[in-house]
Amino acid sequence: MDIVNNIAYANDTMDQDIKVVESKVITDLYLLLTFSNGEMKIFDATILLQYPAYQKLKDFAFFQKAYIDKGVVTWNNGEIDVAPEEMYKNSFPYETD
C-alpha cells in the first residue's frame, strides 16, 4: 500500500479485479469479509492505524458503520476506504469448521 496525501493506494498487482461482496463487523477493528472469488477471510484493521487517514476507525461506533460501495469497504460516505486487494492480501482465512 502506498500513501499519498493521506490517500491509500494499492500497489499490488495480485488480483486487481477482486471485490468485497459482504462485510460483517466481528469486534473492534476486525471484519469478516467475503470476496468475489468466494473466499471468506478475517481482516484485522489495526494494520491501518499506522496511517493518519485511518485514525477514525479506532472509534468502534464509527468502525461499525462500514459498508460496501462498488466492492470496496468504505466509511463516512467514502471519506475512508480500503482497497479490496489490500484487504485480501492482509487478511487470514476464515474457517467454518
PDB file of N, CA and C in Angstrom:
ATOM      1  N   MET A   1       0.849  -1.161   0.000  1.00  0.00           N
ATOM      2  CA  MET A   1       0.000   0.000   0.000  1.00  0.00           C
ATOM      3  C   MET A   1       0.895   1.224   0.000  1.00  0.00           C
ATOM      4  N   ASP A   2       0.546   2.198  -0.837  1.00  0.00           N
ATOM      5  CA  ASP A   2       1.234   3.478  -0.865  1.00  0.00           C
ATOM      6  C   ASP A   2       0.289   4.544  -0.333  1.00  0.00           C
ATOM      7  N   ILE A   3       0.821   5.465   0.457  1.00  0.00           N
ATOM      8  CA  ILE A   3       0.029   6.573   0.986  1.00  0.00           C
ATOM      9  C   ILE A   3       0.533   7.852   0.334  1.00  0.00           C
ATOM     10  N   VAL A   4      -0.365   8.561  -0.345  1.00  0.00           N
ATOM     11  CA  VAL A   4      -0.043   9.835  -0.970  1.00  0.00           C
ATOM     12  C   VAL A   4      -1.122  10.831  -0.551  1.00  0.00           C
ATOM     13  N   ASN A   5      -0.704  11.916   0.109  1.00  0.00           N
ATOM     14  CA  ASN A   5      -1.651  12.919   0.599  1.00  0.00           C
ATOM     15  C   ASN A   5      -2.758  12.292   1.440  1.00  0.00           C
ATOM     16  N   ASN A   6      -2.362  11.374   2.322  1.00  0.00           N
ATOM     17  CA  ASN A   6      -3.292  10.671   3.217  1.00  0.00           C
ATOM     18  C   ASN A   6      -4.316   9.817   2.481  1.00  0.00           C
ATOM     19  N   ILE A   7      -4.028   9.451   1.244  1.00  0.00           N
ATOM     20  CA  ILE A   7      -4.890   8.548   0.477  1.00  0.00           C
ATOM     21  C   ILE A   7      -4.111   7.266   0.239  1.00  0.00           C
ATOM     22  N   ALA A   8      -4.752   6.129   0.558  1.00  0.00           N
ATOM     23  CA  ALA A   8      -4.096   4.836   0.396  1.00  0.00           C
ATOM     24  C   ALA A   8      -4.374   4.292  -1.000  1.00  0.00           C
ATOM     25  N   TYR A   9      -3.318   3.860  -1.668  1.00  0.00           N
ATOM     26  CA  TYR A   9      -3.433   3.255  -2.990  1.00  0.00           C
ATOM     27  C   TYR A   9      -2.825   1.863  -2.940  1.00  0.00           C
ATOM     28  N   ALA A  10      -3.527   0.917  -3.518  1.00  0.00           N
ATOM     29  CA  ALA A  10      -2.985  -0.443  -3.598  1.00  0.00           C
ATOM     30  C   ALA A  10      -1.837  -0.435  -4.597  1.00  0.00           C
ATOM     31  N   ASN A  11      -0.787  -1.174  -4.283  1.00  0.00           N
ATOM     32  CA  ASN A  11       0.331  -1.243  -5.211  1.00  0.00           C
ATOM     33  C   ASN A  11       0.651  -2.675  -5.583  1.00  0.00           C
ATOM     34  N   ASP A  12      -0.251  -3.566  -5.323  1.00  0.00           N
ATOM     35  CA  ASP A  12      -0.055  -4.978  -5.597  1.00  0.00           C
ATOM     36  C   ASP A  12      -0.793  -5.341  -6.879  1.00  0.00           C
ATOM     37  N   THR A  13      -0.124  -6.056  -7.749  1.00  0.00           N
ATOM     38  CA  THR A  13      -0.763  -6.464  -8.998  1.00  0.00           C
ATOM     39  C   THR A  13      -1.440  -7.817  -8.860  1.00  0.00           C
ATOM     40  N   MET A  14      -1.558  -8.327  -7.625  1.00  0.00           N
ATOM     41  CA  MET A  14      -2.101  -9.660  -7.339  1.00  0.00           C
ATOM     42  C   MET A  14      -3.394  -9.934  -8.083  1.00  0.00           C
ATOM     43  N   ASP A  15      -4.445  -9.305  -7.716  1.00  0.00           N
ATOM     44  CA  ASP A  15      -5.733  -9.512  -8.363  1.00  0.00           C
ATOM     45  C   ASP A  15      -6.510  -8.215  -8.284  1.00  0.00           C
ATOM     46  N   GLN A  16      -6.275  -7.358  -9.239  1.00  0.00           N
ATOM     47  CA  GLN A  16      -6.908  -6.039  -9.240  1.00  0.00           C
ATOM     48  C   GLN A  16      -8.421  -6.131  -9.408  1.00  0.00           C
ATOM     49  N   ASP A  17      -8.936  -7.296  -9.804  1.00  0.00           N
ATOM     50  CA  ASP A  17     -10.366  -7.445 -10.031  1.00  0.00           C
ATOM     51  C   ASP A  17     -11.119  -7.955  -8.809  1.00  0.00           C
ATOM     52  N   ILE A  18     -10.428  -8.292  -7.731  1.00  0.00           N
ATOM     53  CA  ILE A  18     -11.121  -8.829  -6.557  1.00  0.00           C
ATOM     54  C   ILE A  18     -11.936  -7.723  -5.884  1.00  0.00           C
ATOM     55  N   LYS A  19     -13.116  -8.088  -5.440  1.00  0.00           N
ATOM     56  CA  LYS A  19     -14.022  -7.148  -4.777  1.00  0.00           C
ATOM     57  C   LYS A  19     -14.510  -7.771  -3.475  1.00  0.00           C
ATOM     58  N   VAL A  20     -14.953  -6.938  -2.567  1.00  0.00           N
ATOM     59  CA  VAL A  20     -15.605  -7.409  -1.350  1.00  0.00           C
ATOM     60  C   VAL A  20     -17.103  -7.440  -1.658  1.00  0.00           C
ATOM     61  N   VAL A  21     -17.734  -8.586  -1.411  1.00  0.00           N
ATOM     62  CA  VAL A  21     -19.166  -8.705  -1.683  1.00  0.00           C
ATOM     63  C   VAL A  21     -19.996  -8.705  -0.400  1.00  0.00           C
ATOM     64  N   GLU A  22     -19.339  -8.977   0.730  1.00  0.00           N
ATOM     65  CA  GLU A  22     -20.035  -8.943   2.016  1.00  0.00           C
ATOM     66  C   GLU A  22     -19.034  -8.598   3.102  1.00  0.00           C
ATOM     67  N   SER A  23     -19.493  -7.815   4.068  1.00  0.00           N
ATOM     68  CA  SER A  23     -18.644  -7.389   5.176  1.00  0.00           C
ATOM     69  C   SER A  23     -19.460  -7.419   6.459  1.00  0.00           C
ATOM     70  N   LYS A  24     -18.866  -7.971   7.503  1.00  0.00           N
ATOM     71  CA  LYS A  24     -19.538  -8.021   8.797  1.00  0.00           C
ATOM     72  C   LYS A  24     -18.519  -7.685   9.882  1.00  0.00           C
ATOM     73  N   VAL A  25     -18.875  -6.726  10.734  1.00  0.00           N
ATOM     74  CA  VAL A  25     -18.014  -6.376  11.861  1.00  0.00           C
ATOM     75  C   VAL A  25     -18.108  -7.500  12.883  1.00  0.00           C
ATOM     76  N   ILE A  26     -16.956  -8.046  13.289  1.00  0.00           N
ATOM     77  CA  ILE A  26     -16.936  -9.112  14.288  1.00  0.00           C
ATOM     78  C   ILE A  26     -16.729  -8.516  15.676  1.00  0.00           C
ATOM     79  N   THR A  27     -15.759  -7.617  15.774  1.00  0.00           N
ATOM     80  CA  THR A  27     -15.408  -6.955  17.028  1.00  0.00           C
ATOM     81  C   THR A  27     -14.580  -5.731  16.677  1.00  0.00           C
ATOM     82  N   ASP A  28     -14.037  -5.054  17.683  1.00  0.00           N
ATOM     83  CA  ASP A  28     -13.208  -3.873  17.415  1.00  0.00           C
ATOM     84  C   ASP A  28     -12.140  -4.177  16.371  1.00  0.00           C
ATOM     85  N   LEU A  29     -12.177  -3.465  15.288  1.00  0.00           N
ATOM     86  CA  LEU A  29     -11.179  -3.498  14.226  1.00  0.00           C
ATOM     87  C   LEU A  29     -11.043  -4.833  13.486  1.00  0.00           C
ATOM     88  N   TYR A  30     -12.016  -5.714  13.606  1.00  0.00           N
ATOM     89  CA  TYR A  30     -11.999  -6.972  12.861  1.00  0.00           C
ATOM     90  C   TYR A  30     -13.258  -7.077  11.997  1.00  0.00           C
ATOM     91  N   LEU A  31     -13.034  -7.419  10.729  1.00  0.00           N
ATOM     92  CA  LEU A  31     -14.135  -7.616   9.788  1.00  0.00           C
ATOM     93  C   LEU A  31     -14.079  -9.022   9.211  1.00  0.00           C
ATOM     94  N   LEU A  32     -15.239  -9.634   9.077  1.00  0.00           N
ATOM     95  CA  LEU A  32     -15.360 -10.886   8.332  1.00  0.00           C
ATOM     96  C   LEU A  32     -15.775 -10.485   6.924  1.00  0.00           C
ATOM     97  N   LEU A  33     -14.942 -10.808   5.949  1.00  0.00           N
ATOM     98  CA  LEU A  33     -15.174 -10.394   4.572  1.00  0.00           C
ATOM     99  C   LEU A  33     -15.410 -11.593   3.669  1.00  0.00           C
ATOM    100  N   THR A  34     -16.311 -11.427   2.729  1.00  0.00           N
ATOM    101  CA  THR A  34     -16.487 -12.395   1.653  1.00  0.00           C
ATOM    102  C   THR A  34     -16.074 -11.689   0.375  1.00  0.00           C
ATOM    103  N   PHE A  35     -15.179 -12.335  -0.361  1.00  0.00           N
ATOM    104  CA  PHE A  35     -14.637 -11.744  -1.581  1.00  0.00           C
ATOM    105  C   PHE A  35     -15.330 -12.316  -2.815  1.00  0.00           C
ATOM    106  N   SER A  36     -15.161 -11.641  -3.924  1.00  0.00           N
ATOM    107  CA  SER A  36     -15.807 -12.029  -5.173  1.00  0.00           C
ATOM    108  C   SER A  36     -15.360 -13.393  -5.682  1.00  0.00           C
ATOM    109  N   ASN A  37     -14.256 -13.911  -5.177  1.00  0.00           N
ATOM    110  CA  ASN A  37     -13.809 -15.256  -5.564  1.00  0.00           C
ATOM    111  C   ASN A  37     -14.406 -16.331  -4.657  1.00  0.00           C
ATOM    112  N   GLY A  38     -15.292 -15.921  -3.724  1.00  0.00           N
ATOM    113  CA  GLY A  38     -15.964 -16.853  -2.824  1.00  0.00           C
ATOM    114  C   GLY A  38     -15.262 -17.087  -1.504  1.00  0.00           C
ATOM    115  N   GLU A  39     -14.041 -16.632  -1.365  1.00  0.00           N
ATOM    116  CA  GLU A  39     -13.305 -16.836  -0.116  1.00  0.00           C
ATOM    117  C   GLU A  39     -13.825 -15.925   0.993  1.00  0.00           C
ATOM    118  N   MET A  40     -13.850 -16.474   2.203  1.00  0.00           N
ATOM    119  CA  MET A  40     -14.165 -15.695   3.391  1.00  0.00           C
ATOM    120  C   MET A  40     -12.875 -15.541   4.183  1.00  0.00           C
ATOM    121  N   LYS A  41     -12.591 -14.304   4.599  1.00  0.00           N
ATOM    122  CA  LYS A  41     -11.363 -14.029   5.329  1.00  0.00           C
ATOM    123  C   LYS A  41     -11.648 -13.022   6.433  1.00  0.00           C
ATOM    124  N   ILE A  42     -10.771 -13.005   7.426  1.00  0.00           N
ATOM    125  CA  ILE A  42     -10.865 -12.049   8.522  1.00  0.00           C
ATOM    126  C   ILE A  42      -9.781 -10.997   8.337  1.00  0.00           C
ATOM    127  N   PHE A  43     -10.217  -9.749   8.372  1.00  0.00           N
ATOM    128  CA  PHE A  43      -9.302  -8.623   8.214  1.00  0.00           C
ATOM    129  C   PHE A  43      -9.166  -7.896   9.544  1.00  0.00           C
ATOM    130  N   ASP A  44      -7.929  -7.728   9.983  1.00  0.00           N
ATOM    131  CA  ASP A  44      -7.613  -7.003  11.218  1.00  0.00           C
ATOM    132  C   ASP A  44      -7.202  -5.586  10.812  1.00  0.00           C
ATOM    133  N   ALA A  45      -8.075  -4.632  11.053  1.00  0.00           N
ATOM    134  CA  ALA A  45      -7.848  -3.255  10.613  1.00  0.00           C
ATOM    135  C   ALA A  45      -6.800  -2.515  11.437  1.00  0.00           C
ATOM    136  N   THR A  46      -6.274  -3.122  12.490  1.00  0.00           N
ATOM    137  CA  THR A  46      -5.234  -2.424  13.266  1.00  0.00           C
ATOM    138  C   THR A  46      -4.023  -2.109  12.390  1.00  0.00           C
ATOM    139  N   ILE A  47      -3.810  -2.881  11.339  1.00  0.00           N
ATOM    140  CA  ILE A  47      -2.695  -2.614  10.418  1.00  0.00           C
ATOM    141  C   ILE A  47      -2.819  -1.228   9.781  1.00  0.00           C
ATOM    142  N   LEU A  48      -4.039  -0.724   9.686  1.00  0.00           N
ATOM    143  CA  LEU A  48      -4.270   0.576   9.054  1.00  0.00           C
ATOM    144  C   LEU A  48      -3.967   1.749   9.973  1.00  0.00           C
ATOM    145  N   LEU A  49      -3.954   1.509  11.274  1.00  0.00           N
ATOM    146  CA  LEU A  49      -3.833   2.607  12.228  1.00  0.00           C
ATOM    147  C   LEU A  49      -2.468   3.297  12.198  1.00  0.00           C
ATOM    148  N   GLN A  50      -1.526   2.737  11.481  1.00  0.00           N
ATOM    149  CA  GLN A  50      -0.229   3.391  11.338  1.00  0.00           C
ATOM    150  C   GLN A  50      -0.312   4.606  10.409  1.00  0.00           C
ATOM    151  N   TYR A  51      -1.441   4.742   9.701  1.00  0.00           N
ATOM    152  CA  TYR A  51      -1.643   5.847   8.765  1.00  0.00           C
ATOM    153  C   TYR A  51      -2.665   6.834   9.335  1.00  0.00           C
ATOM    154  N   PRO A  52      -2.365   8.124   9.309  1.00  0.00           N
ATOM    155  CA  PRO A  52      -3.278   9.133   9.875  1.00  0.00           C
ATOM    156  C   PRO A  52      -4.690   9.081   9.282  1.00  0.00           C
ATOM    157  N   ALA A  53      -4.823   8.744   8.032  1.00  0.00           N
ATOM    158  CA  ALA A  53      -6.136   8.739   7.374  1.00  0.00           C
ATOM    159  C   ALA A  53      -7.118   7.758   8.008  1.00  0.00           C
ATOM    160  N   TYR A  54      -6.615   6.767   8.750  1.00  0.00           N
ATOM    161  CA  TYR A  54      -7.467   5.717   9.305  1.00  0.00           C
ATOM    162  C   TYR A  54      -7.720   5.844  10.810  1.00  0.00           C
ATOM    163  N   GLN A  55      -7.311   6.923  11.423  1.00  0.00           N
ATOM    164  CA  GLN A  55      -7.430   7.069  12.874  1.00  0.00           C
ATOM    165  C   GLN A  55      -8.876   7.021  13.370  1.00  0.00           C
ATOM    166  N   LYS A  56      -9.818   7.455  12.557  1.00  0.00           N
ATOM    167  CA  LYS A  56     -11.223   7.437  12.972  1.00  0.00           C
ATOM    168  C   LYS A  56     -11.734   6.014  13.219  1.00  0.00           C
ATOM    169  N   LEU A  57     -11.069   5.023  12.645  1.00  0.00           N
ATOM    170  CA  LEU A  57     -11.514   3.634  12.816  1.00  0.00           C
ATOM    171  C   LEU A  57     -11.345   3.145  14.252  1.00  0.00           C
ATOM    172  N   LYS A  58     -10.565   3.848  15.057  1.00  0.00           N
ATOM    173  CA  LYS A  58     -10.394   3.481  16.469  1.00  0.00           C
ATOM    174  C   LYS A  58     -11.705   3.579  17.242  1.00  0.00           C
ATOM    175  N   ASP A  59     -12.594   4.448  16.790  1.00  0.00           N
ATOM    176  CA  ASP A  59     -13.895   4.635  17.423  1.00  0.00           C
ATOM    177  C   ASP A  59     -14.813   3.505  16.947  1.00  0.00           C
ATOM    178  N   PHE A  60     -15.173   2.597  17.863  1.00  0.00           N
ATOM    179  CA  PHE A  60     -15.956   1.421  17.470  1.00  0.00           C
ATOM    180  C   PHE A  60     -17.299   1.801  16.848  1.00  0.00           C
ATOM    181  N   ALA A  61     -17.936   2.839  17.349  1.00  0.00           N
ATOM    182  CA  ALA A  61     -19.211   3.280  16.765  1.00  0.00           C
ATOM    183  C   ALA A  61     -19.010   3.687  15.302  1.00  0.00           C
ATOM    184  N   PHE A  62     -17.898   4.326  15.013  1.00  0.00           N
ATOM    185  CA  PHE A  62     -17.571   4.706  13.639  1.00  0.00           C
ATOM    186  C   PHE A  62     -17.235   3.460  12.808  1.00  0.00           C
ATOM    187  N   PHE A  63     -16.403   2.590  13.369  1.00  0.00           N
ATOM    188  CA  PHE A  63     -15.971   1.379  12.666  1.00  0.00           C
ATOM    189  C   PHE A  63     -17.167   0.516  12.258  1.00  0.00           C
ATOM    190  N   GLN A  64     -18.167   0.440  13.118  1.00  0.00           N
ATOM    191  CA  GLN A  64     -19.344  -0.389  12.855  1.00  0.00           C
ATOM    192  C   GLN A  64     -20.155   0.091  11.656  1.00  0.00           C
ATOM    193  N   LYS A  65     -19.918   1.281  11.212  1.00  0.00           N
ATOM    194  CA  LYS A  65     -20.679   1.848  10.093  1.00  0.00           C
ATOM    195  C   LYS A  65     -20.062   1.525   8.735  1.00  0.00           C
ATOM    196  N   ALA A  66     -19.195   0.532   8.712  1.00  0.00           N
ATOM    197  CA  ALA A  66     -18.588   0.107   7.442  1.00  0.00           C
ATOM    198  C   ALA A  66     -19.674  -0.389   6.493  1.00  0.00           C
ATOM    199  N   TYR A  67     -19.518  -0.067   5.224  1.00  0.00           N
ATOM    200  CA  TYR A  67     -20.423  -0.569   4.201  1.00  0.00           C
ATOM    201  C   TYR A  67     -19.626  -0.801   2.920  1.00  0.00           C
ATOM    202  N   ILE A  68     -20.235  -1.469   1.983  1.00  0.00           N
ATOM    203  CA  ILE A  68     -19.564  -1.784   0.723  1.00  0.00           C
ATOM    204  C   ILE A  68     -20.105  -0.868  -0.367  1.00  0.00           C
ATOM    205  N   ASP A  69     -19.193  -0.233  -1.067  1.00  0.00           N
ATOM    206  CA  ASP A  69     -19.546   0.614  -2.199  1.00  0.00           C
ATOM    207  C   ASP A  69     -18.735   0.138  -3.401  1.00  0.00           C
ATOM    208  N   LYS A  70     -19.409  -0.460  -4.356  1.00  0.00           N
ATOM    209  CA  LYS A  70     -18.770  -0.958  -5.586  1.00  0.00           C
ATOM    210  C   LYS A  70     -17.609  -1.895  -5.291  1.00  0.00           C
ATOM    211  N   GLY A  71     -17.795  -2.778  -4.310  1.00  0.00           N
ATOM    212  CA  GLY A  71     -16.792  -3.785  -3.990  1.00  0.00           C
ATOM    213  C   GLY A  71     -15.700  -3.334  -3.051  1.00  0.00           C
ATOM    214  N   VAL A  72     -15.847  -2.142  -2.484  1.00  0.00           N
ATOM    215  CA  VAL A  72     -14.827  -1.569  -1.599  1.00  0.00           C
ATOM    216  C   VAL A  72     -15.452  -1.286  -0.235  1.00  0.00           C
ATOM    217  N   VAL A  73     -14.788  -1.726   0.844  1.00  0.00           N
ATOM    218  CA  VAL A  73     -15.253  -1.409   2.192  1.00  0.00           C
ATOM    219  C   VAL A  73     -14.962   0.068   2.442  1.00  0.00           C
ATOM    220  N   THR A  74     -16.013   0.770   2.888  1.00  0.00           N
ATOM    221  CA  THR A  74     -15.982   2.224   2.964  1.00  0.00           C
ATOM    222  C   THR A  74     -16.621   2.700   4.266  1.00  0.00           C
ATOM    223  N   TRP A  75     -16.201   3.875   4.712  1.00  0.00           N
ATOM    224  CA  TRP A  75     -16.800   4.540   5.871  1.00  0.00           C
ATOM    225  C   TRP A  75     -17.051   6.001   5.526  1.00  0.00           C
ATOM    226  N   ASN A  76     -18.052   6.566   6.177  1.00  0.00           N
ATOM    227  CA  ASN A  76     -18.299   8.004   6.157  1.00  0.00           C
ATOM    228  C   ASN A  76     -18.417   8.576   4.737  1.00  0.00           C
ATOM    229  N   ASN A  77     -19.338   8.015   3.977  1.00  0.00           N
ATOM    230  CA  ASN A  77     -19.611   8.494   2.616  1.00  0.00           C
ATOM    231  C   ASN A  77     -18.366   8.537   1.727  1.00  0.00           C
ATOM    232  N   GLY A  78     -17.501   7.544   1.892  1.00  0.00           N
ATOM    233  CA  GLY A  78     -16.320   7.443   1.048  1.00  0.00           C
ATOM    234  C   GLY A  78     -15.107   8.204   1.547  1.00  0.00           C
ATOM    235  N   GLU A  79     -15.222   8.847   2.700  1.00  0.00           N
ATOM    236  CA  GLU A  79     -14.073   9.573   3.255  1.00  0.00           C
ATOM    237  C   GLU A  79     -12.924   8.602   3.534  1.00  0.00           C
ATOM    238  N   ILE A  80     -13.269   7.394   3.986  1.00  0.00           N
ATOM    239  CA  ILE A  80     -12.269   6.371   4.280  1.00  0.00           C
ATOM    240  C   ILE A  80     -12.662   5.109   3.528  1.00  0.00           C
ATOM    241  N   ASP A  81     -11.694   4.506   2.866  1.00  0.00           N
ATOM    242  CA  ASP A  81     -11.924   3.201   2.247  1.00  0.00           C
ATOM    243  C   ASP A  81     -10.618   2.426   2.207  1.00  0.00           C
ATOM    244  N   VAL A  82     -10.735   1.144   1.916  1.00  0.00           N
ATOM    245  CA  VAL A  82      -9.559   0.282   1.840  1.00  0.00           C
ATOM    246  C   VAL A  82      -9.686  -0.536   0.562  1.00  0.00           C
ATOM    247  N   ALA A  83      -8.643  -0.546  -0.233  1.00  0.00           N
ATOM    248  CA  ALA A  83      -8.652  -1.298  -1.486  1.00  0.00           C
ATOM    249  C   ALA A  83      -8.906  -2.778  -1.191  1.00  0.00           C
ATOM    250  N   PRO A  84      -9.822  -3.405  -1.931  1.00  0.00           N
ATOM    251  CA  PRO A  84     -10.147  -4.810  -1.658  1.00  0.00           C
ATOM    252  C   PRO A  84      -8.956  -5.747  -1.812  1.00  0.00           C
ATOM    253  N   GLU A  85      -8.069  -5.478  -2.746  1.00  0.00           N
ATOM    254  CA  GLU A  85      -6.892  -6.347  -2.904  1.00  0.00           C
ATOM    255  C   GLU A  85      -5.959  -6.234  -1.709  1.00  0.00           C
ATOM    256  N   GLU A  86      -5.920  -5.061  -1.084  1.00  0.00           N
ATOM    257  CA  GLU A  86      -5.109  -4.872   0.126  1.00  0.00           C
ATOM    258  C   GLU A  86      -5.727  -5.649   1.283  1.00  0.00           C
ATOM    259  N   MET A  87      -7.056  -5.606   1.396  1.00  0.00           N
ATOM    260  CA  MET A  87      -7.745  -6.350   2.451  1.00  0.00           C
ATOM    261  C   MET A  87      -7.555  -7.849   2.240  1.00  0.00           C
ATOM    262  N   TYR A  88      -7.619  -8.294   1.010  1.00  0.00           N
ATOM    263  CA  TYR A  88      -7.451  -9.711   0.699  1.00  0.00           C
ATOM    264  C   TYR A  88      -6.045 -10.176   1.091  1.00  0.00           C
ATOM    265  N   LYS A  89      -5.062  -9.405   0.690  1.00  0.00           N
ATOM    266  CA  LYS A  89      -3.666  -9.761   0.949  1.00  0.00           C
ATOM    267  C   LYS A  89      -3.348  -9.765   2.444  1.00  0.00           C
ATOM    268  N   ASN A  90      -3.958  -8.854   3.202  1.00  0.00           N
ATOM    269  CA  ASN A  90      -3.644  -8.689   4.626  1.00  0.00           C
ATOM    270  C   ASN A  90      -4.698  -9.280   5.548  1.00  0.00           C
ATOM    271  N   SER A  91      -5.365 -10.314   5.099  1.00  0.00           N
ATOM    272  CA  SER A  91      -6.350 -10.994   5.942  1.00  0.00           C
ATOM    273  C   SER A  91      -5.992 -12.469   6.025  1.00  0.00           C
ATOM    274  N   PHE A  92      -6.681 -13.169   6.900  1.00  0.00           N
ATOM    275  CA  PHE A  92      -6.383 -14.591   7.029  1.00  0.00           C
ATOM    276  C   PHE A  92      -7.675 -15.388   6.845  1.00  0.00           C
ATOM    277  N   PRO A  93      -7.536 -16.639   6.407  1.00  0.00           N
ATOM    278  CA  PRO A  93      -8.715 -17.456   6.085  1.00  0.00           C
ATOM    279  C   PRO A  93      -9.655 -17.622   7.280  1.00  0.00           C
ATOM    280  N   TYR A  94     -10.928 -17.622   6.979  1.00  0.00           N
ATOM    281  CA  TYR A  94     -11.971 -17.861   7.970  1.00  0.00           C
ATOM    282  C   TYR A  94     -12.372 -19.326   7.860  1.00  0.00           C
ATOM    283  N   GLU A  95     -12.174 -20.037   8.939  1.00  0.00           N
ATOM    284  CA  GLU A  95     -12.505 -21.461   8.968  1.00  0.00           C
ATOM    285  C   GLU A  95     -13.864 -21.644   9.623  1.00  0.00           C
ATOM    286  N   THR A  96     -14.768 -22.358   8.959  1.00  0.00           N
ATOM    287  CA  THR A  96     -16.106 -22.556   9.493  1.00  0.00           C
ATOM    288  C   THR A  96     -16.258 -23.862  10.255  1.00  0.00           C
ATOM    289  N   ASP A  97     -15.236 -24.669  10.281  1.00  0.00           N
ATOM    290  CA  ASP A  97     -15.304 -25.966  10.978  1.00  0.00           C
ATOM    291  C   ASP A  97     -15.165 -25.812  12.472  1.00  0.00           C
TER     292      ASP A  97
END
